[in-house]
Full PDB file with SEQRES, HELIX, SHEET, SSBOND, CRYST1, ORIGX, SCALE, CONECT and MASTER records, all heavy atoms in Angstrom:
SEQRES   1 A   32  SER VAL GLY ILE ALA MET ASN SER GLY SER ASP ILE ALA          
SEQRES   2 A   32  LYS GLY ALA GLY ASP ILE VAL LEU VAL LYS ASN ASP LEU          
SEQRES   3 A   32  ARG GLY VAL SER GLY LEU                                      
HELIX    1 AA1 ASP A   11  ALA A   16  1                                   6    
HELIX    2 AA2 ARG A   27  GLY A   31  1                                   5    
SHEET    1 AA1 2 ILE A   4  MET A   6  0                                        
SHEET    2 AA1 2 ILE A  19  LEU A  21  1                                        
CRYST1    1.000    1.000    1.000  90.00  90.00  90.00 P 1           1          
ORIGX1      1.000000  0.000000  0.000000        0.00000                         
ORIGX2      0.000000  1.000000  0.000000        0.00000                         
ORIGX3      0.000000  0.000000  1.000000        0.00000                         
SCALE1      1.000000  0.000000  0.000000        0.00000                         
SCALE2      0.000000  1.000000  0.000000        0.00000                         
SCALE3      0.000000  0.000000  1.000000        0.00000                         
ATOM      1  N   SER A   1      11.139   5.242   0.963  1.00  0.00           N  
ATOM      2  CA  SER A   1      12.045   6.458   1.148  1.00  0.00           C  
ATOM      3  C   SER A   1      13.051   6.160   2.276  1.00  0.00           C  
ATOM      4  O   SER A   1      14.202   6.487   2.123  1.00  0.00           O  
ATOM      5  CB  SER A   1      11.182   7.647   1.512  1.00  0.00           C  
ATOM      6  OG  SER A   1      10.116   7.887   0.643  1.00  0.00           O  
ATOM      7  N   VAL A   2      12.570   5.559   3.354  1.00  0.00           N  
ATOM      8  CA  VAL A   2      13.421   5.158   4.474  1.00  0.00           C  
ATOM      9  C   VAL A   2      12.950   3.779   4.905  1.00  0.00           C  
ATOM     10  O   VAL A   2      11.798   3.561   5.239  1.00  0.00           O  
ATOM     11  CB  VAL A   2      13.356   6.156   5.646  1.00  0.00           C  
ATOM     12  CG1 VAL A   2      14.237   5.669   6.810  1.00  0.00           C  
ATOM     13  CG2 VAL A   2      13.808   7.526   5.256  1.00  0.00           C  
ATOM     14  N   GLY A   3      13.883   2.836   4.968  1.00  0.00           N  
ATOM     15  CA  GLY A   3      13.575   1.497   5.427  1.00  0.00           C  
ATOM     16  C   GLY A   3      14.151   1.263   6.804  1.00  0.00           C  
ATOM     17  O   GLY A   3      15.346   1.462   7.021  1.00  0.00           O  
ATOM     18  N   ILE A   4      13.289   0.854   7.722  1.00  0.00           N  
ATOM     19  CA  ILE A   4      13.755   0.650   9.115  1.00  0.00           C  
ATOM     20  C   ILE A   4      13.548  -0.824   9.433  1.00  0.00           C  
ATOM     21  O   ILE A   4      12.402  -1.330   9.440  1.00  0.00           O  
ATOM     22  CB  ILE A   4      12.921   1.513  10.142  1.00  0.00           C  
ATOM     23  CG1 ILE A   4      13.128   3.022   9.781  1.00  0.00           C  
ATOM     24  CG2 ILE A   4      13.359   1.226  11.566  1.00  0.00           C  
ATOM     25  CD1 ILE A   4      12.330   3.949  10.697  1.00  0.00           C  
ATOM     26  N   ALA A   5      14.604  -1.506   9.803  1.00  0.00           N  
ATOM     27  CA  ALA A   5      14.560  -2.935  10.131  1.00  0.00           C  
ATOM     28  C   ALA A   5      14.731  -3.157  11.611  1.00  0.00           C  
ATOM     29  O   ALA A   5      15.388  -2.352  12.291  1.00  0.00           O  
ATOM     30  CB  ALA A   5      15.611  -3.711   9.363  1.00  0.00           C  
ATOM     31  N   MET A   6      14.100  -4.212  12.135  1.00  0.00           N  
ATOM     32  CA  MET A   6      14.278  -4.587  13.543  1.00  0.00           C  
ATOM     33  C   MET A   6      15.504  -5.459  13.693  1.00  0.00           C  
ATOM     34  O   MET A   6      15.749  -6.360  12.864  1.00  0.00           O  
ATOM     35  CB  MET A   6      13.053  -5.282  14.067  1.00  0.00           C  
ATOM     36  CG  MET A   6      11.738  -4.562  13.795  1.00  0.00           C  
ATOM     37  SD  MET A   6      11.611  -2.959  14.592  1.00  0.00           S  
ATOM     38  CE  MET A   6      11.351  -3.489  16.280  1.00  0.00           C  
ATOM     39  N   ASN A   7      16.232  -5.269  14.759  1.00  0.00           N  
ATOM     40  CA  ASN A   7      17.438  -6.076  14.992  1.00  0.00           C  
ATOM     41  C   ASN A   7      17.137  -7.586  15.203  1.00  0.00           C  
ATOM     42  O   ASN A   7      17.999  -8.418  14.941  1.00  0.00           O  
ATOM     43  CB  ASN A   7      18.227  -5.530  16.189  1.00  0.00           C  
ATOM     44  CG  ASN A   7      19.626  -6.085  16.297  1.00  0.00           C  
ATOM     45  OD1 ASN A   7      20.349  -6.204  15.319  1.00  0.00           O  
ATOM     46  ND2 ASN A   7      20.010  -6.461  17.503  1.00  0.00           N  
ATOM     47  N   SER A   8      15.910  -7.856  15.669  1.00  0.00           N  
ATOM     48  CA  SER A   8      15.524  -9.242  15.937  1.00  0.00           C  
ATOM     49  C   SER A   8      15.063  -9.892  14.629  1.00  0.00           C  
ATOM     50  O   SER A   8      14.752 -11.129  14.665  1.00  0.00           O  
ATOM     51  CB  SER A   8      14.390  -9.262  16.937  1.00  0.00           C  
ATOM     52  OG  SER A   8      13.248  -8.529  16.456  1.00  0.00           O  
ATOM     53  N   GLY A   9      14.971  -9.181  13.514  1.00  0.00           N  
ATOM     54  CA  GLY A   9      14.523  -9.738  12.274  1.00  0.00           C  
ATOM     55  C   GLY A   9      15.560 -10.511  11.557  1.00  0.00           C  
ATOM     56  O   GLY A   9      16.631 -10.797  11.977  1.00  0.00           O  
ATOM     57  N   SER A  10      15.227 -10.852  10.295  1.00  0.00           N  
ATOM     58  CA  SER A  10      16.169 -11.653   9.462  1.00  0.00           C  
ATOM     59  C   SER A  10      17.329 -10.799   8.997  1.00  0.00           C  
ATOM     60  O   SER A  10      17.270  -9.593   8.922  1.00  0.00           O  
ATOM     61  CB  SER A  10      15.443 -12.158   8.206  1.00  0.00           C  
ATOM     62  OG  SER A  10      15.028 -11.108   7.388  1.00  0.00           O  
ATOM     63  N   ASP A  11      18.461 -11.480   8.683  1.00  0.00           N  
ATOM     64  CA  ASP A  11      19.690 -10.763   8.257  1.00  0.00           C  
ATOM     65  C   ASP A  11      19.421 -10.056   6.917  1.00  0.00           C  
ATOM     66  O   ASP A  11      19.994  -8.989   6.689  1.00  0.00           O  
ATOM     67  CB  ASP A  11      20.794 -11.783   8.100  1.00  0.00           C  
ATOM     68  CG  ASP A  11      21.315 -12.309   9.439  1.00  0.00           C  
ATOM     69  OD1 ASP A  11      21.099 -11.610  10.449  1.00  0.00           O  
ATOM     70  OD2 ASP A  11      21.878 -13.395   9.468  1.00  0.00           O  
ATOM     71  N   ILE A  12      18.586 -10.680   6.086  1.00  0.00           N  
ATOM     72  CA  ILE A  12      18.297 -10.077   4.778  1.00  0.00           C  
ATOM     73  C   ILE A  12      17.536  -8.751   4.988  1.00  0.00           C  
ATOM     74  O   ILE A  12      17.824  -7.722   4.325  1.00  0.00           O  
ATOM     75  CB  ILE A  12      17.450 -10.964   3.915  1.00  0.00           C  
ATOM     76  CG1 ILE A  12      18.218 -12.269   3.561  1.00  0.00           C  
ATOM     77  CG2 ILE A  12      16.957 -10.309   2.636  1.00  0.00           C  
ATOM     78  CD1 ILE A  12      17.499 -13.304   2.761  1.00  0.00           C  
ATOM     79  N   ALA A  13      16.590  -8.699   5.920  1.00  0.00           N  
ATOM     80  CA  ALA A  13      15.838  -7.500   6.191  1.00  0.00           C  
ATOM     81  C   ALA A  13      16.803  -6.410   6.733  1.00  0.00           C  
ATOM     82  O   ALA A  13      16.680  -5.235   6.392  1.00  0.00           O  
ATOM     83  CB  ALA A  13      14.677  -7.782   7.172  1.00  0.00           C  
ATOM     84  N   LYS A  14      17.658  -6.809   7.640  1.00  0.00           N  
ATOM     85  CA  LYS A  14      18.564  -5.831   8.251  1.00  0.00           C  
ATOM     86  C   LYS A  14      19.538  -5.303   7.191  1.00  0.00           C  
ATOM     87  O   LYS A  14      19.913  -4.098   7.215  1.00  0.00           O  
ATOM     88  CB  LYS A  14      19.388  -6.453   9.413  1.00  0.00           C  
ATOM     89  CG  LYS A  14      18.494  -6.698  10.653  1.00  0.00           C  
ATOM     90  CD  LYS A  14      19.339  -7.180  11.845  1.00  0.00           C  
ATOM     91  CE  LYS A  14      19.704  -8.613  11.711  1.00  0.00           C  
ATOM     92  NZ  LYS A  14      20.364  -9.124  12.975  1.00  0.00           N  
ATOM     93  N   GLY A  15      19.906  -6.142   6.261  1.00  0.00           N  
ATOM     94  CA  GLY A  15      20.795  -5.691   5.174  1.00  0.00           C  
ATOM     95  C   GLY A  15      20.057  -4.727   4.202  1.00  0.00           C  
ATOM     96  O   GLY A  15      20.684  -3.807   3.616  1.00  0.00           O  
ATOM     97  N   ALA A  16      18.743  -4.920   4.050  1.00  0.00           N  
ATOM     98  CA  ALA A  16      17.964  -4.103   3.113  1.00  0.00           C  
ATOM     99  C   ALA A  16      17.617  -2.768   3.749  1.00  0.00           C  
ATOM    100  O   ALA A  16      17.365  -1.794   3.020  1.00  0.00           O  
ATOM    101  CB  ALA A  16      16.752  -4.811   2.644  1.00  0.00           C  
ATOM    102  N   GLY A  17      17.537  -2.719   5.064  1.00  0.00           N  
ATOM    103  CA  GLY A  17      17.091  -1.473   5.707  1.00  0.00           C  
ATOM    104  C   GLY A  17      18.122  -0.383   5.754  1.00  0.00           C  
ATOM    105  O   GLY A  17      19.345  -0.682   5.743  1.00  0.00           O  
ATOM    106  N   ASP A  18      17.713   0.842   5.738  1.00  0.00           N  
ATOM    107  CA  ASP A  18      18.654   2.005   5.839  1.00  0.00           C  
ATOM    108  C   ASP A  18      19.023   2.176   7.293  1.00  0.00           C  
ATOM    109  O   ASP A  18      20.123   2.663   7.595  1.00  0.00           O  
ATOM    110  CB  ASP A  18      17.959   3.299   5.344  1.00  0.00           C  
ATOM    111  CG  ASP A  18      17.501   3.178   3.907  1.00  0.00           C  
ATOM    112  OD1 ASP A  18      18.352   2.949   3.049  1.00  0.00           O  
ATOM    113  OD2 ASP A  18      16.310   3.281   3.641  1.00  0.00           O  
ATOM    114  N   ILE A  19      18.090   1.787   8.220  1.00  0.00           N  
ATOM    115  CA  ILE A  19      18.310   1.983   9.631  1.00  0.00           C  
ATOM    116  C   ILE A  19      17.909   0.688  10.325  1.00  0.00           C  
ATOM    117  O   ILE A  19      16.930   0.036   9.931  1.00  0.00           O  
ATOM    118  CB  ILE A  19      17.463   3.144  10.216  1.00  0.00           C  
ATOM    119  CG1 ILE A  19      17.881   4.441   9.540  1.00  0.00           C  
ATOM    120  CG2 ILE A  19      17.546   3.260  11.699  1.00  0.00           C  
ATOM    121  CD1 ILE A  19      16.921   5.584   9.772  1.00  0.00           C  
ATOM    122  N   VAL A  20      18.685   0.307  11.358  1.00  0.00           N  
ATOM    123  CA  VAL A  20      18.333  -0.878  12.159  1.00  0.00           C  
ATOM    124  C   VAL A  20      18.082  -0.439  13.630  1.00  0.00           C  
ATOM    125  O   VAL A  20      18.963   0.212  14.189  1.00  0.00           O  
ATOM    126  CB  VAL A  20      19.430  -1.936  12.101  1.00  0.00           C  
ATOM    127  CG1 VAL A  20      19.092  -3.146  13.008  1.00  0.00           C  
ATOM    128  CG2 VAL A  20      19.662  -2.440  10.680  1.00  0.00           C  
ATOM    129  N   LEU A  21      16.940  -0.830  14.143  1.00  0.00           N  
ATOM    130  CA  LEU A  21      16.643  -0.533  15.557  1.00  0.00           C  
ATOM    131  C   LEU A  21      17.291  -1.593  16.410  1.00  0.00           C  
ATOM    132  O   LEU A  21      16.731  -2.704  16.559  1.00  0.00           O  
ATOM    133  CB  LEU A  21      15.157  -0.471  15.767  1.00  0.00           C  
ATOM    134  CG  LEU A  21      14.344   0.606  15.016  1.00  0.00           C  
ATOM    135  CD1 LEU A  21      12.893   0.580  15.348  1.00  0.00           C  
ATOM    136  CD2 LEU A  21      14.957   1.982  15.322  1.00  0.00           C  
ATOM    137  N   VAL A  22      18.451  -1.260  16.969  1.00  0.00           N  
ATOM    138  CA  VAL A  22      19.253  -2.289  17.671  1.00  0.00           C  
ATOM    139  C   VAL A  22      18.500  -2.812  18.894  1.00  0.00           C  
ATOM    140  O   VAL A  22      18.531  -4.024  19.175  1.00  0.00           O  
ATOM    141  CB  VAL A  22      20.529  -1.696  18.116  1.00  0.00           C  
ATOM    142  CG1 VAL A  22      21.391  -2.676  18.955  1.00  0.00           C  
ATOM    143  CG2 VAL A  22      21.371  -1.203  16.911  1.00  0.00           C  
ATOM    144  N   LYS A  23      17.727  -1.975  19.597  1.00  0.00           N  
ATOM    145  CA  LYS A  23      17.083  -2.423  20.796  1.00  0.00           C  
ATOM    146  C   LYS A  23      15.639  -2.935  20.516  1.00  0.00           C  
ATOM    147  O   LYS A  23      14.926  -3.247  21.456  1.00  0.00           O  
ATOM    148  CB  LYS A  23      16.980  -1.232  21.838  1.00  0.00           C  
ATOM    149  CG  LYS A  23      18.335  -0.810  22.325  1.00  0.00           C  
ATOM    150  CD  LYS A  23      18.237   0.333  23.343  1.00  0.00           C  
ATOM    151  CE  LYS A  23      19.553   0.800  23.870  1.00  0.00           C  
ATOM    152  NZ  LYS A  23      19.394   1.928  24.846  1.00  0.00           N  
ATOM    153  N   ASN A  24      15.232  -3.003  19.237  1.00  0.00           N  
ATOM    154  CA  ASN A  24      13.920  -3.468  18.892  1.00  0.00           C  
ATOM    155  C   ASN A  24      12.766  -2.691  19.541  1.00  0.00           C  
ATOM    156  O   ASN A  24      11.737  -3.247  19.784  1.00  0.00           O  
ATOM    157  CB  ASN A  24      13.774  -4.981  19.217  1.00  0.00           C  
ATOM    158  CG  ASN A  24      14.784  -5.795  18.430  1.00  0.00           C  
ATOM    159  OD1 ASN A  24      14.875  -5.725  17.220  1.00  0.00           O  
ATOM    160  ND2 ASN A  24      15.529  -6.639  19.188  1.00  0.00           N  
ATOM    161  N   ASP A  25      13.057  -1.453  19.865  1.00  0.00           N  
ATOM    162  CA  ASP A  25      12.072  -0.583  20.516  1.00  0.00           C  
ATOM    163  C   ASP A  25      11.432   0.277  19.459  1.00  0.00           C  
ATOM    164  O   ASP A  25      12.058   1.081  18.784  1.00  0.00           O  
ATOM    165  CB  ASP A  25      12.750   0.271  21.580  1.00  0.00           C  
ATOM    166  CG  ASP A  25      11.758   1.003  22.481  1.00  0.00           C  
ATOM    167  OD1 ASP A  25      10.617   1.231  22.035  1.00  0.00           O  
ATOM    168  OD2 ASP A  25      12.127   1.333  23.613  1.00  0.00           O  
ATOM    169  N   LEU A  26      10.074   0.103  19.291  1.00  0.00           N  
ATOM    170  CA  LEU A  26       9.378   0.884  18.293  1.00  0.00           C  
ATOM    171  C   LEU A  26       9.389   2.397  18.526  1.00  0.00           C  
ATOM    172  O   LEU A  26       9.162   3.161  17.591  1.00  0.00           O  
ATOM    173  CB  LEU A  26       7.904   0.408  18.188  1.00  0.00           C  
ATOM    174  CG  LEU A  26       7.663  -0.947  17.589  1.00  0.00           C  
ATOM    175  CD1 LEU A  26       6.216  -1.335  17.721  1.00  0.00           C  
ATOM    176  CD2 LEU A  26       8.114  -1.034  16.166  1.00  0.00           C  
ATOM    177  N   ARG A  27       9.673   2.783  19.726  1.00  0.00           N  
ATOM    178  CA  ARG A  27       9.739   4.261  20.000  1.00  0.00           C  
ATOM    179  C   ARG A  27      10.902   4.875  19.220  1.00  0.00           C  
ATOM    180  O   ARG A  27      10.955   6.084  19.031  1.00  0.00           O  
ATOM    181  CB  ARG A  27       9.930   4.499  21.504  1.00  0.00           C  
ATOM    182  CG  ARG A  27       8.677   4.214  22.341  1.00  0.00           C  
ATOM    183  CD  ARG A  27       8.939   4.326  23.803  1.00  0.00           C  
ATOM    184  NE  ARG A  27       9.870   3.312  24.282  1.00  0.00           N  
ATOM    185  CZ  ARG A  27      10.240   3.226  25.522  1.00  0.00           C  
ATOM    186  NH1 ARG A  27       9.825   4.093  26.441  1.00  0.00           N  
ATOM    187  NH2 ARG A  27      11.061   2.242  25.896  1.00  0.00           N  
ATOM    188  N   GLY A  28      11.822   4.015  18.765  1.00  0.00           N  
ATOM    189  CA  GLY A  28      12.893   4.536  17.945  1.00  0.00           C  
ATOM    190  C   GLY A  28      12.426   5.115  16.594  1.00  0.00           C  
ATOM    191  O   GLY A  28      13.047   5.991  16.014  1.00  0.00           O  
ATOM    192  N   VAL A  29      11.226   4.611  16.140  1.00  0.00           N  
ATOM    193  CA  VAL A  29      10.675   5.129  14.890  1.00  0.00           C  
ATOM    194  C   VAL A  29      10.255   6.566  15.004  1.00  0.00           C  
ATOM    195  O   VAL A  29      10.639   7.445  14.275  1.00  0.00           O  
ATOM    196  CB  VAL A  29       9.497   4.249  14.391  1.00  0.00           C  
ATOM    197  CG1 VAL A  29       8.869   4.819  13.140  1.00  0.00           C  
ATOM    198  CG2 VAL A  29       9.939   2.833  14.159  1.00  0.00           C  
ATOM    199  N   SER A  30       9.469   6.811  16.072  1.00  0.00           N  
ATOM    200  CA  SER A  30       8.981   8.188  16.300  1.00  0.00           C  
ATOM    201  C   SER A  30      10.187   9.076  16.725  1.00  0.00           C  
ATOM    202  O   SER A  30      10.267  10.270  16.331  1.00  0.00           O  
ATOM    203  CB  SER A  30       7.929   8.237  17.425  1.00  0.00           C  
ATOM    204  OG  SER A  30       8.395   7.619  18.579  1.00  0.00           O  
ATOM    205  N   GLY A  31      11.160   8.493  17.363  1.00  0.00           N  
ATOM    206  CA  GLY A  31      12.363   9.252  17.741  1.00  0.00           C  
ATOM    207  C   GLY A  31      13.172   9.643  16.549  1.00  0.00           C  
ATOM    208  O   GLY A  31      13.690  10.753  16.441  1.00  0.00           O  
ATOM    209  N   LEU A  32      13.251   8.772  15.547  1.00  0.00           N  
ATOM    210  CA  LEU A  32      13.998   9.085  14.292  1.00  0.00           C  
ATOM    211  C   LEU A  32      13.249  10.225  13.538  1.00  0.00           C  
ATOM    212  O   LEU A  32      13.945  11.089  12.974  1.00  0.00           O  
ATOM    213  CB  LEU A  32      14.074   7.817  13.446  1.00  0.00           C  
ATOM    214  CG  LEU A  32      15.041   6.795  13.878  1.00  0.00           C  
ATOM    215  CD1 LEU A  32      14.821   5.482  13.091  1.00  0.00           C  
ATOM    216  CD2 LEU A  32      16.448   7.292  13.577  1.00  0.00           C  
TER     217      LEU A  32                                                      
MASTER        0    0    0    2    2    0    0    6  216    1    0    3          
END                                                                             
């Protein structure tokens, strides 16, 4: 339903995600 990719991950994963956590902080998930 919602794909969240980490900024430190692969370019393919970031392209596939709906949201990218730029700071790679997992707290962004609960914040979203």
